[in-house]
Structures are given as structure tokens and as C-alpha cells.
Amino acid sequence: MRELEPPFNLHLEGNMIRIAEHEVQGKRVFHVDFKNEKKPLVITVGIGLKDLKFWTSVPQGRQAEAEQIGKLIAEYIRGKNK
């Protein structure tokens, strides 16, 4: 596993979360640290039907959080690349 970019912070529902981007077996993943009692989360982009991309948790089971945080990460990355 290698880190791709320095970790960054985002706001989620009034709380600060820390995101670290890594590469694992050629796949880009994001480790989410909630900085509270909530368990950390690992998310990545999956490819669904008709090659549509979606955010998913690894392991599966926290899909709603993955989608919500994934959108924040995508906005952050798009804003950084402008």
C-alpha cells in the first residue's frame, strides 16, 4: 500500500473527517478517519452496470456513508485540480 497524496480534512455534518488516499493492488482507495468513536471507513470507486462509476465501502455494508463521503472527496479533488 502506498500513499498517493498527503492526507486532507473535510467537513461532514459539522464534524471534521481526515481522508488519506492510498493505492492497494493498483486500486485507488480512501481511508476515512472520523476522529471520534465512529469506526474508520475505507471507500473506493466501483464500476457497475453500463460502466457507471459509484462509491462503495470496503468491505461492503456502509454504502450510504461511502456515497456521501465519496461525493465530498470528488468535489475536493475537482476543486484542487482547477
C-alpha atoms as a PDB file:
ATOM      1  CA  MET A   1       0.000   0.000   0.000  1.00  0.00           C
ATOM      2  CA  ARG A   2       1.365   3.394  -0.885  1.00  0.00           C
ATOM      3  CA  GLU A   3       0.086   6.863  -0.089  1.00  0.00           C
ATOM      4  CA  LEU A   4      -0.753   8.894  -3.206  1.00  0.00           C
ATOM      5  CA  GLU A   5      -1.367  12.376  -1.820  1.00  0.00           C
ATOM      6  CA  PRO A   6      -0.946  13.965   1.595  1.00  0.00           C
ATOM      7  CA  PRO A   7      -3.985  13.434   3.867  1.00  0.00           C
ATOM      8  CA  PHE A   8      -6.617  16.175   3.857  1.00  0.00           C
ATOM      9  CA  ASN A   9      -9.560  17.214   6.022  1.00  0.00           C
ATOM     10  CA  LEU A  10     -13.201  17.662   5.008  1.00  0.00           C
ATOM     11  CA  HIS A  11     -16.329  18.776   6.851  1.00  0.00           C
ATOM     12  CA  LEU A  12     -19.122  16.237   7.230  1.00  0.00           C
ATOM     13  CA  GLU A  13     -22.285  17.169   9.097  1.00  0.00           C
ATOM     14  CA  GLY A  14     -20.496  19.699  11.316  1.00  0.00           C
ATOM     15  CA  ASN A  15     -17.557  17.407  12.060  1.00  0.00           C
ATOM     16  CA  MET A  16     -14.059  17.257  10.614  1.00  0.00           C
ATOM     17  CA  ILE A  17     -13.003  13.996   8.936  1.00  0.00           C
ATOM     18  CA  ARG A  18      -9.499  13.101   7.774  1.00  0.00           C
ATOM     19  CA  ILE A  19      -9.030  11.438   4.387  1.00  0.00           C
ATOM     20  CA  ALA A  20      -5.899   9.549   3.335  1.00  0.00           C
ATOM     21  CA  GLU A  21      -5.601   8.345  -0.271  1.00  0.00           C
ATOM     22  CA  HIS A  22      -3.716   5.103  -0.961  1.00  0.00           C
ATOM     23  CA  GLU A  23      -3.067   2.634  -3.726  1.00  0.00           C
ATOM     24  CA  VAL A  24      -3.704  -1.029  -2.911  1.00  0.00           C
ATOM     25  CA  GLN A  25      -3.014  -3.620  -5.598  1.00  0.00           C
ATOM     26  CA  GLY A  26      -3.327  -0.960  -8.292  1.00  0.00           C
ATOM     27  CA  LYS A  27      -6.651   0.345  -6.944  1.00  0.00           C
ATOM     28  CA  ARG A  28      -7.191   3.818  -5.503  1.00  0.00           C
ATOM     29  CA  VAL A  29      -8.776   3.715  -2.019  1.00  0.00           C
ATOM     30  CA  PHE A  30      -9.561   6.350   0.589  1.00  0.00           C
ATOM     31  CA  HIS A  31      -9.250   5.787   4.338  1.00  0.00           C
ATOM     32  CA  VAL A  32     -11.704   7.936   6.297  1.00  0.00           C
ATOM     33  CA  ASP A  33     -10.953   8.737   9.948  1.00  0.00           C
ATOM     34  CA  PHE A  34     -13.925  10.274  11.738  1.00  0.00           C
ATOM     35  CA  LYS A  35     -11.821  11.481  14.706  1.00  0.00           C
ATOM     36  CA  ASN A  36     -14.482  10.263  17.151  1.00  0.00           C
ATOM     37  CA  GLU A  37     -15.994   6.993  18.335  1.00  0.00           C
ATOM     38  CA  LYS A  38     -17.165   6.049  14.827  1.00  0.00           C
ATOM     39  CA  LYS A  39     -15.139   3.257  13.201  1.00  0.00           C
ATOM     40  CA  PRO A  40     -12.848   4.268  10.293  1.00  0.00           C
ATOM     41  CA  LEU A  41     -14.121   3.625   6.788  1.00  0.00           C
ATOM     42  CA  VAL A  42     -12.360   2.599   3.569  1.00  0.00           C
ATOM     43  CA  ILE A  43     -14.046   3.578   0.306  1.00  0.00           C
ATOM     44  CA  THR A  44     -13.264   3.251  -3.385  1.00  0.00           C
ATOM     45  CA  VAL A  45     -14.877   3.786  -6.758  1.00  0.00           C
ATOM     46  CA  GLY A  46     -16.550   0.732  -8.260  1.00  0.00           C
ATOM     47  CA  ILE A  47     -17.770   0.138 -11.807  1.00  0.00           C
ATOM     48  CA  GLY A  48     -21.373  -1.013 -12.134  1.00  0.00           C
ATOM     49  CA  LEU A  49     -23.717  -1.849 -14.958  1.00  0.00           C
ATOM     50  CA  LYS A  50     -23.105   0.038 -18.192  1.00  0.00           C
ATOM     51  CA  ASP A  51     -19.708   1.086 -16.815  1.00  0.00           C
ATOM     52  CA  LEU A  52     -21.285   3.562 -14.369  1.00  0.00           C
ATOM     53  CA  LYS A  53     -18.976   4.548 -11.510  1.00  0.00           C
ATOM     54  CA  PHE A  54     -20.152   4.540  -7.896  1.00  0.00           C
ATOM     55  CA  TRP A  55     -18.629   4.914  -4.432  1.00  0.00           C
ATOM     56  CA  THR A  56     -18.586   1.823  -2.240  1.00  0.00           C
ATOM     57  CA  SER A  57     -17.223   0.789   1.140  1.00  0.00           C
ATOM     58  CA  VAL A  58     -14.591  -1.911   1.604  1.00  0.00           C
ATOM     59  CA  PRO A  59     -15.808  -4.258   2.907  1.00  0.00           C
ATOM     60  CA  GLN A  60     -19.362  -3.612   1.794  1.00  0.00           C
ATOM     61  CA  GLY A  61     -22.016  -2.635   4.290  1.00  0.00           C
ATOM     62  CA  ARG A  62     -21.597   1.117   4.722  1.00  0.00           C
ATOM     63  CA  GLN A  63     -22.845   2.137   1.290  1.00  0.00           C
ATOM     64  CA  ALA A  64     -24.738   5.275   2.343  1.00  0.00           C
ATOM     65  CA  GLU A  65     -21.648   6.686   4.084  1.00  0.00           C
ATOM     66  CA  ALA A  66     -19.434   5.737   1.132  1.00  0.00           C
ATOM     67  CA  GLU A  67     -21.668   7.595  -1.317  1.00  0.00           C
ATOM     68  CA  GLN A  68     -21.965  10.681   0.886  1.00  0.00           C
ATOM     69  CA  ILE A  69     -18.241  10.953   1.642  1.00  0.00           C
ATOM     70  CA  GLY A  70     -17.241   9.919  -1.881  1.00  0.00           C
ATOM     71  CA  LYS A  71     -19.100  12.938  -3.283  1.00  0.00           C
ATOM     72  CA  LEU A  72     -17.210  15.214  -0.886  1.00  0.00           C
ATOM     73  CA  ILE A  73     -13.890  13.665  -1.924  1.00  0.00           C
ATOM     74  CA  ALA A  74     -14.710  14.061  -5.629  1.00  0.00           C
ATOM     75  CA  GLU A  75     -15.623  17.737  -5.106  1.00  0.00           C
ATOM     76  CA  TYR A  76     -12.396  18.315  -3.187  1.00  0.00           C
ATOM     77  CA  ILE A  77     -10.264  16.686  -5.897  1.00  0.00           C
ATOM     78  CA  ARG A  78     -12.039  18.552  -8.718  1.00  0.00           C
ATOM     79  CA  GLY A  79     -11.576  21.850  -6.854  1.00  0.00           C
ATOM     80  CA  LYS A  80      -7.908  21.122  -6.274  1.00  0.00           C
ATOM     81  CA  ASN A  81      -7.296  20.369  -9.973  1.00  0.00           C
ATOM     82  CA  LYS A  82      -8.703  23.719 -11.191  1.00  0.00           C
END
